[in-house]
Amino acid sequence: MSTVTIRNLDPQVKVALQKRAAANGRSMEAEMRDILSQSVAEVPDPNNNRVYGLGTRIHTMFAELDGLEIPERPADEARAADFS
């Protein structure tokens, strides 16, 4: 198992974590482990029961932005650096 140290945590966040942990009947450390595990877990799509990871979820969020296009770079734009 790995150990992670979180520095400069806002005191209000710590208090909220303590309250959430107490409400769930676990230690603050166990609560944070659960939060982290859930945040990176694969999530099933309710429409077709397939499982999607974080990358697919991010793509889905941004796919809703119609009209967002990345312009193609002209072929002659890239050139070697001149260090002379």
PDB file of N, CA and C in Angstrom:
ATOM      1  N   MET A   1       0.828  -1.186   0.000  1.00  0.00           N
ATOM      2  CA  MET A   1       0.000   0.000   0.000  1.00  0.00           C
ATOM      3  C   MET A   1       0.871   1.247   0.000  1.00  0.00           C
ATOM      4  N   SER A   2       0.382   2.279  -0.621  1.00  0.00           N
ATOM      5  CA  SER A   2       1.098   3.543  -0.698  1.00  0.00           C
ATOM      6  C   SER A   2       0.603   4.501   0.373  1.00  0.00           C
ATOM      7  N   THR A   3       1.447   5.461   0.666  1.00  0.00           N
ATOM      8  CA  THR A   3       1.090   6.522   1.597  1.00  0.00           C
ATOM      9  C   THR A   3       1.099   7.835   0.838  1.00  0.00           C
ATOM     10  N   VAL A   4       0.076   8.645   1.043  1.00  0.00           N
ATOM     11  CA  VAL A   4      -0.038   9.935   0.378  1.00  0.00           C
ATOM     12  C   VAL A   4      -0.190  11.008   1.448  1.00  0.00           C
ATOM     13  N   THR A   5       0.554  12.088   1.303  1.00  0.00           N
ATOM     14  CA  THR A   5       0.445  13.223   2.211  1.00  0.00           C
ATOM     15  C   THR A   5      -0.194  14.374   1.451  1.00  0.00           C
ATOM     16  N   ILE A   6      -1.195  14.981   2.051  1.00  0.00           N
ATOM     17  CA  ILE A   6      -1.864  16.127   1.422  1.00  0.00           C
ATOM     18  C   ILE A   6      -1.532  17.359   2.257  1.00  0.00           C
ATOM     19  N   ARG A   7      -0.794  18.257   1.647  1.00  0.00           N
ATOM     20  CA  ARG A   7      -0.400  19.486   2.346  1.00  0.00           C
ATOM     21  C   ARG A   7      -1.357  20.619   1.998  1.00  0.00           C
ATOM     22  N   ASN A   8      -1.391  21.598   2.859  1.00  0.00           N
ATOM     23  CA  ASN A   8      -2.165  22.830   2.651  1.00  0.00           C
ATOM     24  C   ASN A   8      -3.656  22.558   2.424  1.00  0.00           C
ATOM     25  N   LEU A   9      -4.184  21.573   3.124  1.00  0.00           N
ATOM     26  CA  LEU A   9      -5.610  21.278   3.038  1.00  0.00           C
ATOM     27  C   LEU A   9      -6.380  22.350   3.788  1.00  0.00           C
ATOM     28  N   ASP A  10      -7.368  22.906   3.140  1.00  0.00           N
ATOM     29  CA  ASP A  10      -8.195  23.939   3.749  1.00  0.00           C
ATOM     30  C   ASP A  10      -8.826  23.371   5.021  1.00  0.00           C
ATOM     31  N   PRO A  11      -8.740  24.096   6.141  1.00  0.00           N
ATOM     32  CA  PRO A  11      -9.315  23.595   7.400  1.00  0.00           C
ATOM     33  C   PRO A  11     -10.802  23.263   7.290  1.00  0.00           C
ATOM     34  N   GLN A  12     -11.539  24.000   6.468  1.00  0.00           N
ATOM     35  CA  GLN A  12     -12.966  23.724   6.297  1.00  0.00           C
ATOM     36  C   GLN A  12     -13.182  22.383   5.606  1.00  0.00           C
ATOM     37  N   VAL A  13     -12.279  22.029   4.686  1.00  0.00           N
ATOM     38  CA  VAL A  13     -12.370  20.735   4.009  1.00  0.00           C
ATOM     39  C   VAL A  13     -12.127  19.614   5.014  1.00  0.00           C
ATOM     40  N   LYS A  14     -11.157  19.815   5.888  1.00  0.00           N
ATOM     41  CA  LYS A  14     -10.854  18.805   6.906  1.00  0.00           C
ATOM     42  C   LYS A  14     -12.058  18.590   7.826  1.00  0.00           C
ATOM     43  N   VAL A  15     -12.682  19.672   8.248  1.00  0.00           N
ATOM     44  CA  VAL A  15     -13.855  19.564   9.122  1.00  0.00           C
ATOM     45  C   VAL A  15     -14.983  18.835   8.397  1.00  0.00           C
ATOM     46  N   ALA A  16     -15.189  19.173   7.123  1.00  0.00           N
ATOM     47  CA  ALA A  16     -16.240  18.514   6.344  1.00  0.00           C
ATOM     48  C   ALA A  16     -15.950  17.022   6.190  1.00  0.00           C
ATOM     49  N   LEU A  17     -14.675  16.670   5.980  1.00  0.00           N
ATOM     50  CA  LEU A  17     -14.296  15.256   5.880  1.00  0.00           C
ATOM     51  C   LEU A  17     -14.542  14.528   7.204  1.00  0.00           C
ATOM     52  N   GLN A  18     -14.211  15.186   8.317  1.00  0.00           N
ATOM     53  CA  GLN A  18     -14.440  14.581   9.631  1.00  0.00           C
ATOM     54  C   GLN A  18     -15.925  14.323   9.865  1.00  0.00           C
ATOM     55  N   LYS A  19     -16.763  15.297   9.493  1.00  0.00           N
ATOM     56  CA  LYS A  19     -18.209  15.143   9.671  1.00  0.00           C
ATOM     57  C   LYS A  19     -18.744  14.029   8.783  1.00  0.00           C
ATOM     58  N   ARG A  20     -18.275  13.997   7.539  1.00  0.00           N
ATOM     59  CA  ARG A  20     -18.730  12.970   6.594  1.00  0.00           C
ATOM     60  C   ARG A  20     -18.304  11.580   7.071  1.00  0.00           C
ATOM     61  N   ALA A  21     -17.076  11.478   7.564  1.00  0.00           N
ATOM     62  CA  ALA A  21     -16.579  10.193   8.067  1.00  0.00           C
ATOM     63  C   ALA A  21     -17.404   9.737   9.266  1.00  0.00           C
ATOM     64  N   ALA A  22     -17.685  10.652  10.183  1.00  0.00           N
ATOM     65  CA  ALA A  22     -18.481  10.307  11.363  1.00  0.00           C
ATOM     66  C   ALA A  22     -19.881   9.852  10.961  1.00  0.00           C
ATOM     67  N   ALA A  23     -20.465  10.532   9.980  1.00  0.00           N
ATOM     68  CA  ALA A  23     -21.804  10.175   9.518  1.00  0.00           C
ATOM     69  C   ALA A  23     -21.821   8.783   8.886  1.00  0.00           C
ATOM     70  N   ASN A  24     -20.705   8.383   8.296  1.00  0.00           N
ATOM     71  CA  ASN A  24     -20.606   7.065   7.659  1.00  0.00           C
ATOM     72  C   ASN A  24     -20.007   6.013   8.582  1.00  0.00           C
ATOM     73  N   GLY A  25     -19.707   6.410   9.818  1.00  0.00           N
ATOM     74  CA  GLY A  25     -19.198   5.463  10.798  1.00  0.00           C
ATOM     75  C   GLY A  25     -17.800   4.948  10.512  1.00  0.00           C
ATOM     76  N   ARG A  26     -16.944   5.787   9.952  1.00  0.00           N
ATOM     77  CA  ARG A  26     -15.563   5.367   9.690  1.00  0.00           C
ATOM     78  C   ARG A  26     -14.597   6.482  10.032  1.00  0.00           C
ATOM     79  N   SER A  27     -13.324   6.136  10.006  1.00  0.00           N
ATOM     80  CA  SER A  27     -12.291   7.131  10.280  1.00  0.00           C
ATOM     81  C   SER A  27     -12.187   8.089   9.096  1.00  0.00           C
ATOM     82  N   MET A  28     -11.564   9.230   9.340  1.00  0.00           N
ATOM     83  CA  MET A  28     -11.368  10.187   8.263  1.00  0.00           C
ATOM     84  C   MET A  28     -10.496   9.583   7.161  1.00  0.00           C
ATOM     85  N   GLU A  29      -9.498   8.810   7.558  1.00  0.00           N
ATOM     86  CA  GLU A  29      -8.623   8.163   6.576  1.00  0.00           C
ATOM     87  C   GLU A  29      -9.408   7.177   5.712  1.00  0.00           C
ATOM     88  N   ALA A  30     -10.259   6.383   6.328  1.00  0.00           N
ATOM     89  CA  ALA A  30     -11.079   5.427   5.567  1.00  0.00           C
ATOM     90  C   ALA A  30     -12.048   6.161   4.644  1.00  0.00           C
ATOM     91  N   GLU A  31     -12.572   7.277   5.117  1.00  0.00           N
ATOM     92  CA  GLU A  31     -13.490   8.072   4.301  1.00  0.00           C
ATOM     93  C   GLU A  31     -12.778   8.618   3.069  1.00  0.00           C
ATOM     94  N   MET A  32     -11.565   9.127   3.266  1.00  0.00           N
ATOM     95  CA  MET A  32     -10.807   9.661   2.123  1.00  0.00           C
ATOM     96  C   MET A  32     -10.448   8.557   1.142  1.00  0.00           C
ATOM     97  N   ARG A  33     -10.108   7.363   1.644  1.00  0.00           N
ATOM     98  CA  ARG A  33      -9.824   6.240   0.750  1.00  0.00           C
ATOM     99  C   ARG A  33     -11.039   5.924  -0.098  1.00  0.00           C
ATOM    100  N   ASP A  34     -12.212   5.908   0.530  1.00  0.00           N
ATOM    101  CA  ASP A  34     -13.444   5.607  -0.196  1.00  0.00           C
ATOM    102  C   ASP A  34     -13.738   6.679  -1.246  1.00  0.00           C
ATOM    103  N   ILE A  35     -13.573   7.936  -0.888  1.00  0.00           N
ATOM    104  CA  ILE A  35     -13.823   9.041  -1.827  1.00  0.00           C
ATOM    105  C   ILE A  35     -12.894   8.917  -3.037  1.00  0.00           C
ATOM    106  N   LEU A  36     -11.611   8.667  -2.782  1.00  0.00           N
ATOM    107  CA  LEU A  36     -10.657   8.540  -3.881  1.00  0.00           C
ATOM    108  C   LEU A  36     -10.969   7.331  -4.749  1.00  0.00           C
ATOM    109  N   SER A  37     -11.303   6.214  -4.137  1.00  0.00           N
ATOM    110  CA  SER A  37     -11.627   5.003  -4.899  1.00  0.00           C
ATOM    111  C   SER A  37     -12.835   5.226  -5.792  1.00  0.00           C
ATOM    112  N   GLN A  38     -13.856   5.861  -5.259  1.00  0.00           N
ATOM    113  CA  GLN A  38     -15.063   6.125  -6.047  1.00  0.00           C
ATOM    114  C   GLN A  38     -14.794   7.100  -7.186  1.00  0.00           C
ATOM    115  N   SER A  39     -13.908   8.066  -6.962  1.00  0.00           N
ATOM    116  CA  SER A  39     -13.673   9.088  -7.980  1.00  0.00           C
ATOM    117  C   SER A  39     -12.939   8.542  -9.199  1.00  0.00           C
ATOM    118  N   VAL A  40     -12.196   7.459  -9.047  1.00  0.00           N
ATOM    119  CA  VAL A  40     -11.462   6.900 -10.186  1.00  0.00           C
ATOM    120  C   VAL A  40     -12.063   5.590 -10.689  1.00  0.00           C
ATOM    121  N   ALA A  41     -13.131   5.121 -10.053  1.00  0.00           N
ATOM    122  CA  ALA A  41     -13.766   3.867 -10.454  1.00  0.00           C
ATOM    123  C   ALA A  41     -14.444   4.034 -11.807  1.00  0.00           C
ATOM    124  N   GLU A  42     -14.503   2.936 -12.533  1.00  0.00           N
ATOM    125  CA  GLU A  42     -15.223   2.945 -13.808  1.00  0.00           C
ATOM    126  C   GLU A  42     -16.712   2.979 -13.511  1.00  0.00           C
ATOM    127  N   VAL A  43     -17.437   3.739 -14.328  1.00  0.00           N
ATOM    128  CA  VAL A  43     -18.861   3.948 -14.097  1.00  0.00           C
ATOM    129  C   VAL A  43     -19.650   3.306 -15.230  1.00  0.00           C
ATOM    130  N   PRO A  44     -20.627   2.444 -14.910  1.00  0.00           N
ATOM    131  CA  PRO A  44     -21.427   1.844 -15.984  1.00  0.00           C
ATOM    132  C   PRO A  44     -22.368   2.873 -16.609  1.00  0.00           C
ATOM    133  N   ASP A  45     -22.512   2.803 -17.919  1.00  0.00           N
ATOM    134  CA  ASP A  45     -23.439   3.671 -18.628  1.00  0.00           C
ATOM    135  C   ASP A  45     -24.846   3.100 -18.432  1.00  0.00           C
ATOM    136  N   PRO A  46     -25.774   3.873 -17.879  1.00  0.00           N
ATOM    137  CA  PRO A  46     -27.110   3.326 -17.603  1.00  0.00           C
ATOM    138  C   PRO A  46     -27.872   2.933 -18.866  1.00  0.00           C
ATOM    139  N   ASN A  47     -27.495   3.475 -20.033  1.00  0.00           N
ATOM    140  CA  ASN A  47     -28.216   3.183 -21.266  1.00  0.00           C
ATOM    141  C   ASN A  47     -27.872   1.822 -21.857  1.00  0.00           C
ATOM    142  N   ASN A  48     -26.615   1.401 -21.727  1.00  0.00           N
ATOM    143  CA  ASN A  48     -26.255   0.133 -22.349  1.00  0.00           C
ATOM    144  C   ASN A  48     -25.398  -0.758 -21.459  1.00  0.00           C
ATOM    145  N   ASN A  49     -25.273  -0.405 -20.188  1.00  0.00           N
ATOM    146  CA  ASN A  49     -24.542  -1.203 -19.202  1.00  0.00           C
ATOM    147  C   ASN A  49     -23.070  -1.426 -19.524  1.00  0.00           C
ATOM    148  N   ARG A  50     -22.515  -0.675 -20.463  1.00  0.00           N
ATOM    149  CA  ARG A  50     -21.079  -0.753 -20.699  1.00  0.00           C
ATOM    150  C   ARG A  50     -20.383   0.037 -19.606  1.00  0.00           C
ATOM    151  N   VAL A  51     -19.135  -0.265 -19.370  1.00  0.00           N
ATOM    152  CA  VAL A  51     -18.376   0.406 -18.335  1.00  0.00           C
ATOM    153  C   VAL A  51     -17.409   1.379 -18.989  1.00  0.00           C
ATOM    154  N   TYR A  52     -17.406   2.621 -18.500  1.00  0.00           N
ATOM    155  CA  TYR A  52     -16.549   3.646 -19.054  1.00  0.00           C
ATOM    156  C   TYR A  52     -15.601   4.166 -17.994  1.00  0.00           C
ATOM    157  N   GLY A  53     -14.389   4.476 -18.404  1.00  0.00           N
ATOM    158  CA  GLY A  53     -13.398   5.038 -17.510  1.00  0.00           C
ATOM    159  C   GLY A  53     -13.442   6.553 -17.510  1.00  0.00           C
ATOM    160  N   LEU A  54     -12.491   7.137 -16.831  1.00  0.00           N
ATOM    161  CA  LEU A  54     -12.441   8.587 -16.670  1.00  0.00           C
ATOM    162  C   LEU A  54     -12.297   9.307 -18.009  1.00  0.00           C
ATOM    163  N   GLY A  55     -11.446   8.808 -18.896  1.00  0.00           N
ATOM    164  CA  GLY A  55     -11.233   9.462 -20.191  1.00  0.00           C
ATOM    165  C   GLY A  55     -12.515   9.560 -20.995  1.00  0.00           C
ATOM    166  N   THR A  56     -13.285   8.497 -21.013  1.00  0.00           N
ATOM    167  CA  THR A  56     -14.551   8.497 -21.748  1.00  0.00           C
ATOM    168  C   THR A  56     -15.543   9.450 -21.115  1.00  0.00           C
ATOM    169  N   ARG A  57     -15.552   9.502 -19.787  1.00  0.00           N
ATOM    170  CA  ARG A  57     -16.465  10.434 -19.111  1.00  0.00           C
ATOM    171  C   ARG A  57     -16.110  11.876 -19.425  1.00  0.00           C
ATOM    172  N   ILE A  58     -14.820  12.204 -19.456  1.00  0.00           N
ATOM    173  CA  ILE A  58     -14.393  13.567 -19.801  1.00  0.00           C
ATOM    174  C   ILE A  58     -14.782  13.884 -21.235  1.00  0.00           C
ATOM    175  N   HIS A  59     -14.537  12.937 -22.141  1.00  0.00           N
ATOM    176  CA  HIS A  59     -14.910  13.142 -23.546  1.00  0.00           C
ATOM    177  C   HIS A  59     -16.408  13.413 -23.675  1.00  0.00           C
ATOM    178  N   THR A  60     -17.213  12.645 -22.954  1.00  0.00           N
ATOM    179  CA  THR A  60     -18.663  12.824 -23.014  1.00  0.00           C
ATOM    180  C   THR A  60     -19.066  14.211 -22.542  1.00  0.00           C
ATOM    181  N   MET A  61     -18.413  14.714 -21.497  1.00  0.00           N
ATOM    182  CA  MET A  61     -18.734  16.052 -20.992  1.00  0.00           C
ATOM    183  C   MET A  61     -18.470  17.121 -22.051  1.00  0.00           C
ATOM    184  N   PHE A  62     -17.353  17.008 -22.763  1.00  0.00           N
ATOM    185  CA  PHE A  62     -16.989  18.036 -23.726  1.00  0.00           C
ATOM    186  C   PHE A  62     -17.624  17.818 -25.091  1.00  0.00           C
ATOM    187  N   ALA A  63     -18.148  16.634 -25.357  1.00  0.00           N
ATOM    188  CA  ALA A  63     -18.789  16.352 -26.640  1.00  0.00           C
ATOM    189  C   ALA A  63     -20.058  17.183 -26.808  1.00  0.00           C
ATOM    190  N   GLU A  64     -20.623  17.631 -25.702  1.00  0.00           N
ATOM    191  CA  GLU A  64     -21.844  18.430 -25.759  1.00  0.00           C
ATOM    192  C   GLU A  64     -21.594  19.844 -26.286  1.00  0.00           C
ATOM    193  N   LEU A  65     -20.342  20.268 -26.387  1.00  0.00           N
ATOM    194  CA  LEU A  65     -20.017  21.603 -26.857  1.00  0.00           C
ATOM    195  C   LEU A  65     -19.984  21.614 -28.385  1.00  0.00           C
ATOM    196  N   ASP A  66     -21.124  21.875 -28.984  1.00  0.00           N
ATOM    197  CA  ASP A  66     -21.190  21.929 -30.447  1.00  0.00           C
ATOM    198  C   ASP A  66     -20.412  23.125 -30.967  1.00  0.00           C
ATOM    199  N   GLY A  67     -19.823  22.958 -32.131  1.00  0.00           N
ATOM    200  CA  GLY A  67     -19.116  24.053 -32.775  1.00  0.00           C
ATOM    201  C   GLY A  67     -17.695  24.241 -32.320  1.00  0.00           C
ATOM    202  N   LEU A  68     -17.233  23.463 -31.387  1.00  0.00           N
ATOM    203  CA  LEU A  68     -15.857  23.583 -30.911  1.00  0.00           C
ATOM    204  C   LEU A  68     -14.969  22.778 -31.837  1.00  0.00           C
ATOM    205  N   GLU A  69     -14.160  23.475 -32.601  1.00  0.00           N
ATOM    206  CA  GLU A  69     -13.276  22.805 -33.542  1.00  0.00           C
ATOM    207  C   GLU A  69     -11.844  23.233 -33.287  1.00  0.00           C
ATOM    208  N   ILE A  70     -10.943  22.289 -33.423  1.00  0.00           N
ATOM    209  CA  ILE A  70      -9.528  22.591 -33.314  1.00  0.00           C
ATOM    210  C   ILE A  70      -9.009  22.784 -34.730  1.00  0.00           C
ATOM    211  N   PRO A  71      -8.525  23.977 -35.046  1.00  0.00           N
ATOM    212  CA  PRO A  71      -8.077  24.219 -36.421  1.00  0.00           C
ATOM    213  C   PRO A  71      -6.849  23.380 -36.750  1.00  0.00           C
ATOM    214  N   GLU A  72      -6.792  22.934 -38.000  1.00  0.00           N
ATOM    215  CA  GLU A  72      -5.629  22.171 -38.438  1.00  0.00           C
ATOM    216  C   GLU A  72      -4.467  23.120 -38.644  1.00  0.00           C
ATOM    217  N   ARG A  73      -3.297  22.649 -38.301  1.00  0.00           N
ATOM    218  CA  ARG A  73      -2.086  23.435 -38.458  1.00  0.00           C
ATOM    219  C   ARG A  73      -1.563  23.246 -39.887  1.00  0.00           C
ATOM    220  N   PRO A  74      -1.231  24.337 -40.577  1.00  0.00           N
ATOM    221  CA  PRO A  74      -0.679  24.179 -41.928  1.00  0.00           C
ATOM    222  C   PRO A  74       0.621  23.367 -41.888  1.00  0.00           C
ATOM    223  N   ALA A  75       0.839  22.553 -42.908  1.00  0.00           N
ATOM    224  CA  ALA A  75       2.005  21.670 -42.956  1.00  0.00           C
ATOM    225  C   ALA A  75       3.311  22.450 -42.922  1.00  0.00           C
ATOM    226  N   ASP A  76       3.338  23.665 -43.469  1.00  0.00           N
ATOM    227  CA  ASP A  76       4.583  24.421 -43.512  1.00  0.00           C
ATOM    228  C   ASP A  76       4.861  25.200 -42.220  1.00  0.00           C
ATOM    229  N   GLU A  77       3.955  25.149 -41.253  1.00  0.00           N
ATOM    230  CA  GLU A  77       4.129  25.905 -40.030  1.00  0.00           C
ATOM    231  C   GLU A  77       5.219  25.305 -39.120  1.00  0.00           C
ATOM    232  N   ALA A  78       5.316  23.977 -39.087  1.00  0.00           N
ATOM    233  CA  ALA A  78       6.323  23.338 -38.229  1.00  0.00           C
ATOM    234  C   ALA A  78       7.678  23.352 -38.924  1.00  0.00           C
ATOM    235  N   ARG A  79       8.702  23.818 -38.202  1.00  0.00           N
ATOM    236  CA  ARG A  79      10.040  23.828 -38.780  1.00  0.00           C
ATOM    237  C   ARG A  79      11.064  23.644 -37.664  1.00  0.00           C
ATOM    238  N   ALA A  80      12.231  23.235 -38.037  1.00  0.00           N
ATOM    239  CA  ALA A  80      13.295  22.957 -37.079  1.00  0.00           C
ATOM    240  C   ALA A  80      13.759  24.266 -36.429  1.00  0.00           C
ATOM    241  N   ALA A  81      14.190  24.149 -35.173  1.00  0.00           N
ATOM    242  CA  ALA A  81      14.728  25.306 -34.457  1.00  0.00           C
ATOM    243  C   ALA A  81      16.101  25.676 -35.018  1.00  0.00           C
ATOM    244  N   ASP A  82      16.373  26.972 -35.069  1.00  0.00           N
ATOM    245  CA  ASP A  82      17.665  27.464 -35.561  1.00  0.00           C
ATOM    246  C   ASP A  82      18.467  27.931 -34.345  1.00  0.00           C
ATOM    247  N   PHE A  83      19.551  27.199 -34.012  1.00  0.00           N
ATOM    248  CA  PHE A  83      20.367  27.514 -32.847  1.00  0.00           C
ATOM    249  C   PHE A  83      21.662  28.264 -33.214  1.00  0.00           C
ATOM    250  N   SER A  84      21.717  28.844 -34.400  1.00  0.00           N
ATOM    251  CA  SER A  84      22.959  29.532 -34.799  1.00  0.00           C
ATOM    252  C   SER A  84      23.065  30.908 -34.192  1.00  0.00           C
TER     253      SER A  84
END
